[in-house]
Amino acid sequence: MRVIVRADADQRIGGGHVMRCAVLGLALRGQGADVAFAIRDPAPETRALLETWNFPVLALPAQALPEQPVEQLWPEPLMLRDAEDTARLAAEADAIVVDHYGLGAAWHRAMRGERRLVLALDDMADRAVDADLLLYPGLSASAQAYAGLVPVRCGLLLGPRYALLRPQFAADKGAAAQGKAALRRLLVCCGSGDHGNITARLIEGVLQAGLPGLVHVDVVLGGLNPHADALQRRFGAEPRLHFHHAVEDMAALMRAADLFLGAGGGMTWERCAAGLPGIVVALAPNQRPLSEAMAARGIDAYLGDGAALTPAKVAEALRQATPASAEAVAAMHALCDGQGAARVARRLCLGRLGLRAAVAEDGEALLNWRNAPFVRRFSGDGAEIPRADHEKWLAATLANPARHLLIGECRGADAAPQPVGVLRYDRIEDGAEISVYLVPGLDGLALGADLIRLGDYWLHKTMPAARRVRARIHPENQASIQAFRRAGYVAIADHYERRLGPP
């Protein structure tokens, strides 16, 4: 599989987009994919970092960009010009990964093809996306938030379980949750860029706080930080401060720290995997919702926007800070286990999800899937189905006009469809009752919710008079319950239900 990543990095937007895409690129490479980056006018630091990881950097020509907030979409003509430039570099690509605030639905449509897939990364949920897959690892991510913004065929990878973290964080997955006895070591970081030099105010706040037990402060300065040299000249004589550049093992610094102080952006999920709560500020508007949500959960303290931050406010927050409890660390681990990149890479390599009607030739595979232990556990009496009974059931099902049996398939770069799940719809008085299960070994990839959403769309087109879909789910089958909830179903009495069409 050949993958092109379209992302930019500079002092204004920072390096977070490129960094998380590089993590995904490493996971894709682990799946056998070839990955290259298409970057407009790449900075030497960005090129050097990617080439260190052996990612080819394909430079897009420099062009004048509009004077607007970095989170705002570019004008459509500019988007389409960018798509043309990218397409010339991606002529042989099987998939495009785009992580860019300026490039929206018009860009996605221009890049998609019958064979080529588009995976769009987002953390705004306020704009249309016309991709095959959408990744949003935020806490507030939900299918409902994207209603009307994405086509029904777009697979949704939503929530922190899909956060793109480096393998060094995934290695901490099994670590026992442990609290900290005292606040002795602090980690300060504002990400790759920090154009507004918020790091200086954080350091001033640390020094003003006057914490006698704080003996070690690690200050990480990103490769795109324009103030790095000035910060070291200004604060280098302070013996407790230890400055770091181009950190390769951020996980080790996080595990060694008792508290984090810095940006409330993508590092939030790295801190969750490492079990490090923090005092955070928002360096961009998109960081506010996550920072507020983490504060509401009692994991982080949120000091508001970095532009309004004062050293005195930082000092007061540090004086009030307490070491992380074992419960807080456990809560962070539960939010993000560090395996997101592997999940996203596997889902992208599976390809585009589709449906087809089951046929008699599917009988052997259907019997094997249906008799898998996990599927049997929550189906009927849990007993293994004899072949003769299955063959009789399948023949009756295919002949029954009131029953629809569908196979979900993904078609990847090699154009060979891979079965991923089974849907069954039985007609009821004003709609249908749904049953669904995944092919064994494909859990954790959000395929269940995507399969249900796509199946319900098929049902609505096939049975326009249908007004509702009903699902009866074993109460212990939490994975299935979550999949139906993500697909828009709500609990009603003894079942789950989704309304179709007008009331």
Protein backbone atom coordinates (compact mmCIF):
# COMPACT_ATOMS: atom_id res chain seq x y z
CA MET A 1 0.00 0.00 0.00
CA ARG A 2 1.32 3.44 -0.97
CA VAL A 3 0.28 6.32 1.29
CA ILE A 4 0.82 10.06 0.89
CA VAL A 5 0.42 12.27 3.97
CA ARG A 6 -0.58 15.90 3.37
CA ALA A 7 0.30 18.08 6.36
CA ASP A 8 2.19 21.31 7.02
CA ALA A 9 4.31 22.61 9.90
CA ASP A 10 5.68 26.04 10.67
CA GLN A 11 6.14 28.41 13.59
CA ARG A 12 2.56 29.65 13.30
CA ILE A 13 0.67 26.35 13.20
CA GLY A 14 3.26 24.30 15.06
CA GLY A 15 4.42 20.79 14.27
CA GLY A 16 1.62 18.76 15.84
CA HIS A 17 -0.06 17.80 12.56
CA VAL A 18 3.14 16.43 11.06
CA MET A 19 4.17 14.74 14.30
CA ARG A 20 0.96 12.76 14.77
CA CYS A 21 0.94 11.83 11.09
CA ALA A 22 4.51 10.59 11.43
CA VAL A 23 3.34 8.32 14.26
CA LEU A 24 0.59 7.00 11.99
CA GLY A 25 3.16 6.60 9.24
CA LEU A 26 5.29 4.39 11.46
CA ALA A 27 2.26 2.23 12.25
CA LEU A 28 1.34 2.03 8.56
CA ARG A 29 4.90 1.00 7.77
CA GLY A 30 4.46 -1.76 10.33
CA GLN A 31 1.50 -2.94 8.23
CA GLY A 32 3.74 -3.05 5.14
CA ALA A 33 2.83 0.35 3.65
CA ASP A 34 5.17 2.81 1.92
CA VAL A 35 4.62 6.31 3.34
CA ALA A 36 5.76 9.72 2.09
CA PHE A 37 4.91 13.28 3.19
CA ALA A 38 3.69 16.08 0.93
CA ILE A 39 4.49 19.39 2.64
CA ARG A 40 4.25 22.91 1.29
CA ASP A 41 7.57 24.71 1.60
CA PRO A 42 8.88 22.39 4.37
CA ALA A 43 11.08 23.92 7.06
CA PRO A 44 14.55 22.36 7.35
CA GLU A 45 13.72 21.13 10.86
CA THR A 46 10.59 19.37 9.62
CA ARG A 47 12.37 17.78 6.70
CA ALA A 48 15.23 16.61 8.93
CA LEU A 49 12.86 15.08 11.47
CA LEU A 50 10.91 13.12 8.86
CA GLU A 51 14.03 11.98 7.07
CA THR A 52 15.40 10.77 10.40
CA TRP A 53 12.45 8.36 10.39
CA ASN A 54 13.13 7.54 6.71
CA PHE A 55 9.99 9.24 5.40
CA PRO A 56 10.51 10.80 1.94
CA VAL A 57 9.53 14.49 1.91
CA LEU A 58 7.80 15.67 -1.27
CA ALA A 59 7.92 19.47 -1.34
CA LEU A 60 4.88 21.33 -2.67
CA PRO A 61 5.65 24.73 -4.23
CA ALA A 62 5.41 27.75 -1.97
CA GLN A 63 2.35 29.94 -2.43
CA ALA A 64 0.79 32.98 -0.80
CA LEU A 65 -1.69 32.02 1.91
CA PRO A 66 -4.61 34.13 3.15
CA GLU A 67 -4.25 36.18 6.31
CA GLN A 68 -6.69 34.28 8.49
CA PRO A 69 -6.75 32.12 11.65
CA VAL A 70 -4.94 28.83 11.11
CA GLU A 71 -8.09 26.88 12.05
CA GLN A 72 -10.10 28.46 9.21
CA LEU A 73 -10.66 26.69 5.90
CA TRP A 74 -8.84 28.09 2.89
CA PRO A 75 -10.93 29.58 0.04
CA GLU A 76 -12.04 26.79 -2.30
CA PRO A 77 -9.89 27.88 -5.30
CA LEU A 78 -6.82 27.70 -3.07
CA MET A 79 -7.89 24.26 -1.81
CA LEU A 80 -8.31 22.95 -5.36
CA ARG A 81 -4.94 24.35 -6.40
CA ASP A 82 -3.39 22.51 -3.45
CA ALA A 83 -5.23 19.34 -4.47
CA GLU A 84 -3.79 19.63 -7.99
CA ASP A 85 -0.28 20.04 -6.62
CA THR A 86 -0.74 17.08 -4.26
CA ALA A 87 -2.31 14.86 -6.94
CA ARG A 88 0.78 15.27 -9.13
CA LEU A 89 2.87 13.82 -6.29
CA ALA A 90 0.28 11.16 -5.38
CA ALA A 91 -0.54 9.72 -8.79
CA GLU A 92 0.35 6.20 -7.68
CA ALA A 93 -0.94 6.49 -4.10
CA ASP A 94 -3.51 4.05 -2.74
CA ALA A 95 -4.45 6.31 0.17
CA ILE A 96 -4.15 9.95 1.19
CA VAL A 97 -3.92 11.04 4.83
CA VAL A 98 -4.72 14.72 5.28
CA ASP A 99 -4.20 16.61 8.54
CA HIS A 100 -4.70 20.26 7.70
CA TYR A 101 -7.15 22.89 8.94
CA GLY A 102 -7.18 24.71 5.60
CA LEU A 103 -8.15 21.71 3.46
CA GLY A 104 -11.80 20.64 3.62
CA ALA A 105 -14.49 18.75 1.72
CA ALA A 106 -13.66 20.22 -1.70
CA TRP A 107 -10.07 19.04 -1.31
CA HIS A 108 -11.20 15.58 -0.15
CA ARG A 109 -13.50 15.17 -3.18
CA ALA A 110 -10.72 16.20 -5.54
CA MET A 111 -8.32 13.63 -4.05
CA ARG A 112 -10.65 10.65 -3.67
CA GLY A 113 -10.87 8.05 -6.39
CA GLU A 114 -12.38 4.65 -7.12
CA ARG A 115 -9.22 3.03 -5.82
CA ARG A 116 -7.70 5.82 -3.72
CA LEU A 117 -8.95 6.33 -0.16
CA VAL A 118 -8.83 9.53 1.87
CA LEU A 119 -8.40 9.57 5.65
CA ALA A 120 -9.04 13.02 7.15
CA LEU A 121 -7.86 13.99 10.63
CA ASP A 122 -10.04 16.51 12.43
CA ASP A 123 -10.41 18.04 15.87
CA MET A 124 -13.00 20.71 15.13
CA ALA A 125 -16.27 18.89 14.23
CA ASP A 126 -17.58 22.12 12.70
CA ARG A 127 -17.01 21.60 8.98
CA ALA A 128 -17.96 19.21 6.17
CA VAL A 129 -15.68 16.23 5.54
CA ASP A 130 -15.98 14.18 2.35
CA ALA A 131 -13.49 11.42 3.12
CA ASP A 132 -13.65 7.64 3.34
CA LEU A 133 -12.44 7.68 6.96
CA LEU A 134 -12.45 10.42 9.58
CA LEU A 135 -10.27 10.41 12.67
CA TYR A 136 -11.12 12.64 15.64
CA PRO A 137 -9.55 11.48 18.93
CA GLY A 138 -11.27 14.11 21.11
CA LEU A 139 -13.25 13.36 24.24
CA SER A 140 -16.37 14.97 22.81
CA ALA A 141 -16.20 13.03 19.55
CA SER A 142 -19.48 11.40 18.54
CA ALA A 143 -21.28 10.33 15.40
CA GLN A 144 -24.03 12.78 16.32
CA ALA A 145 -21.53 15.67 16.25
CA TYR A 146 -20.80 14.82 12.60
CA ALA A 147 -24.44 14.35 11.54
CA GLY A 148 -24.85 16.22 8.27
CA LEU A 149 -21.09 16.87 8.02
CA VAL A 150 -19.96 13.49 6.65
CA PRO A 151 -21.41 11.09 4.05
CA VAL A 152 -22.92 7.90 5.43
CA ARG A 153 -20.18 5.80 3.83
CA CYS A 154 -17.49 7.66 5.83
CA GLY A 155 -16.06 5.48 8.57
CA LEU A 156 -15.71 7.24 11.92
CA LEU A 157 -12.72 6.64 14.20
CA LEU A 158 -13.75 8.69 17.19
CA GLY A 159 -12.39 9.10 20.70
CA PRO A 160 -9.07 8.78 22.57
CA ARG A 161 -8.73 5.07 21.81
CA TYR A 162 -7.65 6.22 18.32
CA ALA A 163 -5.19 8.89 19.46
CA LEU A 164 -1.94 8.66 17.49
CA LEU A 165 0.83 8.00 19.99
CA ARG A 166 4.37 6.83 19.46
CA PRO A 167 5.23 3.21 20.35
CA GLN A 168 7.10 4.40 23.44
CA PHE A 169 3.72 5.30 24.96
CA ALA A 170 2.02 2.09 23.89
CA ALA A 171 4.73 0.21 25.75
CA ASP A 172 3.34 1.66 29.00
CA LYS A 173 -0.10 0.11 28.43
CA GLY A 174 0.26 -2.51 31.12
CA ALA A 175 1.87 -0.29 33.73
CA ALA A 176 0.14 -0.37 37.10
CA ALA A 177 -1.54 2.85 38.13
CA GLN A 178 0.58 4.43 40.82
CA GLY A 179 0.18 7.70 42.62
CA LYS A 180 2.93 10.20 43.41
CA ALA A 181 4.09 10.82 46.94
CA ALA A 182 5.18 14.43 46.44
CA LEU A 183 5.53 17.16 43.84
CA ARG A 184 9.27 17.02 43.22
CA ARG A 185 9.66 16.95 39.43
CA LEU A 186 7.87 19.08 36.83
CA LEU A 187 7.69 18.82 33.04
CA VAL A 188 7.12 22.04 31.06
CA CYS A 189 6.26 21.90 27.35
CA CYS A 190 4.26 24.01 24.89
CA GLY A 191 4.61 21.72 21.89
CA SER A 192 6.65 22.10 18.75
CA GLY A 193 6.18 25.80 18.09
CA ASP A 194 5.03 28.20 20.85
CA HIS A 195 4.98 31.28 18.63
CA GLY A 196 3.66 33.42 21.52
CA ASN A 197 6.47 32.37 23.89
CA ILE A 198 4.11 31.09 26.56
CA THR A 199 6.99 28.95 27.83
CA ALA A 200 8.63 32.07 29.30
CA ARG A 201 5.54 32.89 31.37
CA LEU A 202 5.31 29.29 32.59
CA ILE A 203 8.93 29.33 33.72
CA GLU A 204 8.45 32.68 35.45
CA GLY A 205 5.44 31.20 37.25
CA VAL A 206 7.45 28.19 38.36
CA LEU A 207 10.13 30.45 39.84
CA GLN A 208 7.55 32.70 41.52
CA ALA A 209 5.75 29.74 43.09
CA GLY A 210 8.63 29.15 45.49
CA LEU A 211 7.95 25.42 45.98
CA PRO A 212 10.72 24.13 48.25
CA GLY A 213 10.11 20.48 47.35
CA LEU A 214 10.35 21.07 43.60
CA VAL A 215 13.93 20.08 42.80
CA HIS A 216 13.88 19.31 39.06
CA VAL A 217 12.11 21.03 36.13
CA ASP A 218 12.43 19.59 32.61
CA VAL A 219 11.70 22.22 29.94
CA VAL A 220 11.13 20.76 26.47
CA LEU A 221 11.59 23.23 23.59
CA GLY A 222 10.19 22.09 20.25
CA GLY A 223 12.16 22.27 17.04
CA LEU A 224 9.92 25.06 15.70
CA ASN A 225 10.17 27.24 18.83
CA PRO A 226 11.60 30.60 17.69
CA HIS A 227 12.45 31.60 21.26
CA ALA A 228 14.53 28.56 22.23
CA ASP A 229 17.91 30.28 22.35
CA ALA A 230 16.56 33.35 24.13
CA LEU A 231 14.88 31.19 26.79
CA GLN A 232 18.10 29.38 27.55
CA ARG A 233 20.06 32.61 27.77
CA ARG A 234 17.45 34.12 30.10
CA PHE A 235 16.87 31.16 32.43
CA GLY A 236 19.95 29.00 31.93
CA ALA A 237 21.52 29.96 35.27
CA GLU A 238 18.62 28.51 37.27
CA PRO A 239 19.98 25.15 38.55
CA ARG A 240 16.59 23.42 38.74
CA LEU A 241 15.83 24.02 35.05
CA HIS A 242 16.97 21.42 32.52
CA PHE A 243 16.38 22.31 28.86
CA HIS A 244 15.76 19.66 26.20
CA HIS A 245 15.64 19.87 22.39
CA ALA A 246 14.48 17.30 19.83
CA VAL A 247 13.41 14.87 22.55
CA GLU A 248 13.21 11.32 21.24
CA ASP A 249 11.79 9.68 24.36
CA MET A 250 9.12 12.05 25.65
CA ALA A 251 7.46 9.12 27.40
CA ALA A 252 10.46 8.73 29.71
CA LEU A 253 10.28 12.41 30.74
CA MET A 254 6.55 12.11 31.36
CA ARG A 255 6.88 9.01 33.49
CA ALA A 256 9.63 10.64 35.53
CA ALA A 257 7.56 13.78 36.20
CA ASP A 258 5.03 14.30 38.98
CA LEU A 259 3.11 17.05 37.14
CA PHE A 260 2.89 18.57 33.66
CA LEU A 261 2.73 22.30 32.90
CA GLY A 262 2.02 23.42 29.35
CA ALA A 263 -0.19 23.15 26.27
CA GLY A 264 -3.48 21.27 26.47
CA GLY A 265 -3.36 19.88 22.91
CA GLY A 266 -2.34 16.54 21.47
CA MET A 267 0.08 15.86 24.32
CA THR A 268 -2.98 15.23 26.49
CA TRP A 269 -3.25 11.69 25.17
CA GLU A 270 0.46 11.06 25.59
CA ARG A 271 0.08 12.16 29.21
CA CYS A 272 -2.92 9.86 29.65
CA ALA A 273 -0.94 6.87 28.44
CA ALA A 274 1.95 7.90 30.73
CA GLY A 275 -0.35 8.67 33.67
CA LEU A 276 0.72 12.32 34.04
CA PRO A 277 -1.93 14.93 34.99
CA GLY A 278 -1.21 18.60 34.45
CA ILE A 279 -1.85 22.29 34.63
CA VAL A 280 -2.68 23.29 31.07
CA VAL A 281 -3.33 26.34 28.91
CA ALA A 282 -4.92 26.55 25.46
CA LEU A 283 -2.49 27.81 22.83
CA ALA A 284 -5.13 27.60 20.09
CA PRO A 285 -8.95 27.60 20.04
CA ASN A 286 -9.13 23.90 19.19
CA GLN A 287 -7.36 23.11 22.50
CA ARG A 288 -10.06 24.70 24.65
CA PRO A 289 -12.75 21.97 24.56
CA LEU A 290 -10.31 19.19 25.45
CA SER A 291 -8.68 21.25 28.21
CA GLU A 292 -12.08 22.06 29.69
CA ALA A 293 -13.20 18.44 29.48
CA MET A 294 -10.09 17.14 31.21
CA ALA A 295 -10.54 19.74 33.96
CA ALA A 296 -14.20 18.71 34.37
CA ARG A 297 -13.03 15.14 34.92
CA GLY A 298 -10.71 16.31 37.69
CA ILE A 299 -7.58 15.18 35.85
CA ASP A 300 -6.11 18.54 34.78
CA ALA A 301 -6.29 22.13 36.01
CA TYR A 302 -7.13 24.53 33.17
CA LEU A 303 -5.81 28.10 33.25
CA GLY A 304 -7.56 29.37 30.11
CA ASP A 305 -6.01 30.84 26.97
CA GLY A 306 -2.26 31.26 26.83
CA ALA A 307 -2.59 34.80 25.50
CA ALA A 308 -4.13 35.95 28.79
CA LEU A 309 -1.83 33.91 31.03
CA THR A 310 0.25 35.60 33.73
CA PRO A 311 3.15 34.16 35.74
CA ALA A 312 1.22 34.94 38.93
CA LYS A 313 -1.65 32.74 37.78
CA VAL A 314 0.76 29.91 37.05
CA ALA A 315 2.44 30.30 40.45
CA GLU A 316 -0.89 30.16 42.29
CA ALA A 317 -1.95 27.02 40.40
CA LEU A 318 1.33 25.32 41.26
CA ARG A 319 0.94 26.16 44.95
CA GLN A 320 -2.48 24.52 44.93
CA ALA A 321 -1.39 21.46 42.96
CA THR A 322 -1.27 18.07 44.62
CA PRO A 323 0.50 14.88 43.49
CA ALA A 324 -1.51 12.58 41.23
CA SER A 325 -3.51 9.92 43.03
CA ALA A 326 -3.58 6.31 41.89
CA GLU A 327 -7.23 6.85 40.96
CA ALA A 328 -6.35 9.79 38.68
CA VAL A 329 -3.62 7.79 36.96
CA ALA A 330 -5.98 4.86 36.45
CA ALA A 331 -8.60 7.21 34.96
CA MET A 332 -6.04 8.52 32.48
CA HIS A 333 -4.98 5.03 31.44
CA ALA A 334 -8.62 4.12 30.91
CA LEU A 335 -9.09 7.06 28.52
CA CYS A 336 -6.13 6.23 26.28
CA ASP A 337 -4.12 3.01 26.17
CA GLY A 338 -1.56 4.14 23.60
CA GLN A 339 -2.64 1.65 20.90
CA GLY A 340 -4.51 4.12 18.69
CA ALA A 341 -1.98 4.36 15.85
CA ALA A 342 -2.01 0.60 15.32
CA ARG A 343 -5.83 0.60 15.22
CA VAL A 344 -6.02 3.45 12.71
CA ALA A 345 -3.33 1.93 10.49
CA ARG A 346 -5.08 -1.42 10.41
CA ARG A 347 -8.43 0.20 9.61
CA LEU A 348 -6.95 2.25 6.75
CA CYS A 349 -5.23 -0.80 5.29
CA LEU A 350 -8.53 -2.70 5.32
CA GLY A 351 -9.93 -0.13 2.91
CA ARG A 352 -13.37 1.18 1.98
CA LEU A 353 -16.41 -0.40 3.66
CA GLY A 354 -19.29 -1.68 1.54
CA LEU A 355 -22.25 -4.06 1.66
CA ARG A 356 -23.49 -6.90 -0.52
CA ALA A 357 -26.28 -9.42 -0.26
CA ALA A 358 -25.28 -12.81 1.13
CA VAL A 359 -25.43 -15.78 -1.23
CA ALA A 360 -25.44 -19.55 -0.76
CA GLU A 361 -21.70 -19.69 -1.40
CA ASP A 362 -21.14 -17.73 1.82
CA GLY A 363 -22.49 -20.66 3.85
CA GLU A 364 -19.17 -22.10 5.03
CA ALA A 365 -17.77 -18.76 6.10
CA LEU A 366 -21.02 -17.77 7.82
CA LEU A 367 -21.02 -21.01 9.79
CA ASN A 368 -17.41 -20.50 10.93
CA TRP A 369 -18.02 -16.87 11.97
CA ARG A 370 -21.28 -17.66 13.72
CA ASN A 371 -19.67 -20.48 15.70
CA ALA A 372 -16.73 -18.36 16.89
CA PRO A 373 -16.72 -18.35 20.72
CA PHE A 374 -17.18 -14.59 21.09
CA VAL A 375 -20.15 -14.53 18.70
CA ARG A 376 -21.77 -17.59 20.32
CA ARG A 377 -21.36 -16.10 23.78
CA PHE A 378 -24.02 -13.47 23.12
CA SER A 379 -26.21 -15.34 20.63
CA GLY A 380 -29.14 -17.57 21.56
CA ASP A 381 -28.21 -20.27 24.05
CA GLY A 382 -24.51 -20.01 23.17
CA ALA A 383 -24.35 -23.54 21.77
CA GLU A 384 -22.41 -24.34 18.60
CA ILE A 385 -24.69 -24.58 15.57
CA PRO A 386 -24.61 -27.96 13.70
CA ARG A 387 -23.85 -27.74 9.98
CA ALA A 388 -27.17 -29.28 8.95
CA ASP A 389 -29.12 -26.73 11.02
CA HIS A 390 -27.09 -23.87 9.59
CA GLU A 391 -27.62 -24.99 5.99
CA LYS A 392 -31.37 -25.25 6.57
CA TRP A 393 -31.43 -21.80 8.20
CA LEU A 394 -29.42 -20.17 5.39
CA ALA A 395 -31.62 -21.64 2.66
CA ALA A 396 -34.75 -20.40 4.44
CA THR A 397 -33.19 -16.98 5.06
CA LEU A 398 -32.21 -16.44 1.42
CA ALA A 399 -35.71 -17.44 0.33
CA ASN A 400 -37.50 -15.20 2.85
CA PRO A 401 -38.56 -11.82 1.32
CA ALA A 402 -39.04 -10.38 4.82
CA ARG A 403 -35.42 -11.04 5.81
CA HIS A 404 -32.27 -9.42 4.41
CA LEU A 405 -28.83 -10.92 5.06
CA LEU A 406 -25.89 -8.69 4.18
CA ILE A 407 -22.11 -9.13 4.21
CA GLY A 408 -19.93 -6.13 5.09
CA GLU A 409 -16.69 -6.03 3.12
CA CYS A 410 -13.66 -3.78 3.00
CA ARG A 411 -11.77 -3.32 -0.24
CA GLY A 412 -8.17 -2.28 0.23
CA ALA A 413 -5.36 -1.29 -2.10
CA ASP A 414 -5.11 -4.75 -3.67
CA ALA A 415 -8.82 -4.55 -4.67
CA ALA A 416 -9.51 -7.89 -2.97
CA PRO A 417 -12.60 -7.55 -0.74
CA GLN A 418 -12.24 -8.79 2.82
CA PRO A 419 -15.38 -9.76 4.77
CA VAL A 420 -15.62 -7.85 8.05
CA GLY A 421 -19.13 -8.44 9.39
CA VAL A 422 -22.68 -9.71 8.94
CA LEU A 423 -25.97 -7.79 9.14
CA ARG A 424 -29.46 -9.26 9.26
CA TYR A 425 -32.68 -7.25 9.00
CA ASP A 426 -36.07 -8.80 9.80
CA ARG A 427 -39.12 -6.76 8.88
CA ILE A 428 -41.46 -5.70 11.69
CA GLU A 429 -44.68 -3.68 11.59
CA ASP A 430 -43.12 -0.24 10.95
CA GLY A 431 -39.49 -1.04 10.23
CA ALA A 432 -37.00 -3.79 10.93
CA GLU A 433 -35.11 -5.57 13.66
CA ILE A 434 -31.35 -5.69 13.22
CA SER A 435 -28.76 -8.28 14.21
CA VAL A 436 -25.04 -7.75 13.61
CA TYR A 437 -21.69 -9.32 14.37
CA LEU A 438 -18.13 -8.81 13.22
CA VAL A 439 -15.85 -11.36 11.65
CA PRO A 440 -13.67 -12.65 14.54
CA GLY A 441 -10.41 -10.74 15.08
CA LEU A 442 -11.65 -7.36 13.84
CA ASP A 443 -12.75 -5.81 17.12
CA GLY A 444 -11.47 -2.39 18.19
CA LEU A 445 -11.55 -0.82 14.70
CA ALA A 446 -14.97 0.91 14.93
CA LEU A 447 -16.26 -1.40 12.20
CA GLY A 448 -19.36 -2.34 14.18
CA ALA A 449 -20.77 1.19 14.35
CA ASP A 450 -19.79 1.91 10.72
CA LEU A 451 -21.44 -1.32 9.56
CA ILE A 452 -24.66 -0.48 11.41
CA ARG A 453 -24.78 3.07 10.02
CA LEU A 454 -24.17 1.86 6.47
CA GLY A 455 -26.70 -0.96 6.88
CA ASP A 456 -29.38 1.39 8.16
CA TYR A 457 -28.78 3.67 5.19
CA TRP A 458 -29.20 0.66 2.88
CA LEU A 459 -32.40 -0.26 4.71
CA HIS A 460 -33.80 3.26 4.36
CA LYS A 461 -33.15 3.18 0.62
CA THR A 462 -34.52 -0.36 0.25
CA MET A 463 -37.55 0.11 2.52
CA PRO A 464 -38.50 3.81 2.32
CA ALA A 465 -41.58 3.19 4.45
CA ALA A 466 -39.48 1.92 7.38
CA ARG A 467 -39.66 4.30 10.34
CA ARG A 468 -37.47 2.60 12.91
CA VAL A 469 -34.82 -0.06 13.43
CA ARG A 470 -34.87 -2.09 16.64
CA ALA A 471 -31.96 -3.98 18.20
CA ARG A 472 -32.12 -6.47 21.06
CA ILE A 473 -28.70 -6.73 22.69
CA HIS A 474 -27.44 -9.04 25.42
CA PRO A 475 -26.96 -6.77 28.48
CA GLU A 476 -23.41 -8.09 29.02
CA ASN A 477 -22.35 -7.37 25.43
CA GLN A 478 -20.89 -3.93 26.12
CA ALA A 479 -18.98 -3.77 22.84
CA SER A 480 -22.21 -4.21 20.89
CA ILE A 481 -24.08 -1.72 23.08
CA GLN A 482 -21.39 0.91 22.48
CA ALA A 483 -21.40 0.22 18.73
CA PHE A 484 -25.16 0.77 18.52
CA ARG A 485 -24.94 3.91 20.65
CA ARG A 486 -22.21 5.28 18.36
CA ALA A 487 -24.48 4.52 15.41
CA GLY A 488 -27.22 6.70 16.89
CA TYR A 489 -29.37 4.14 18.71
CA VAL A 490 -31.00 4.96 22.06
CA ALA A 491 -32.23 2.66 24.82
CA ILE A 492 -36.03 2.22 24.88
CA ALA A 493 -37.54 -0.23 27.39
CA ASP A 494 -35.94 -3.62 26.70
CA HIS A 495 -34.23 -2.76 23.40
CA TYR A 496 -32.27 -0.13 21.46
CA GLU A 497 -33.82 1.83 18.64
CA ARG A 498 -33.05 4.29 15.89
CA ARG A 499 -35.63 6.33 14.00
CA LEU A 500 -35.48 6.43 10.20
CA GLY A 501 -36.91 9.12 7.94
CA PRO A 502 -39.68 11.53 8.93
CA PRO A 503 -41.71 10.84 12.09
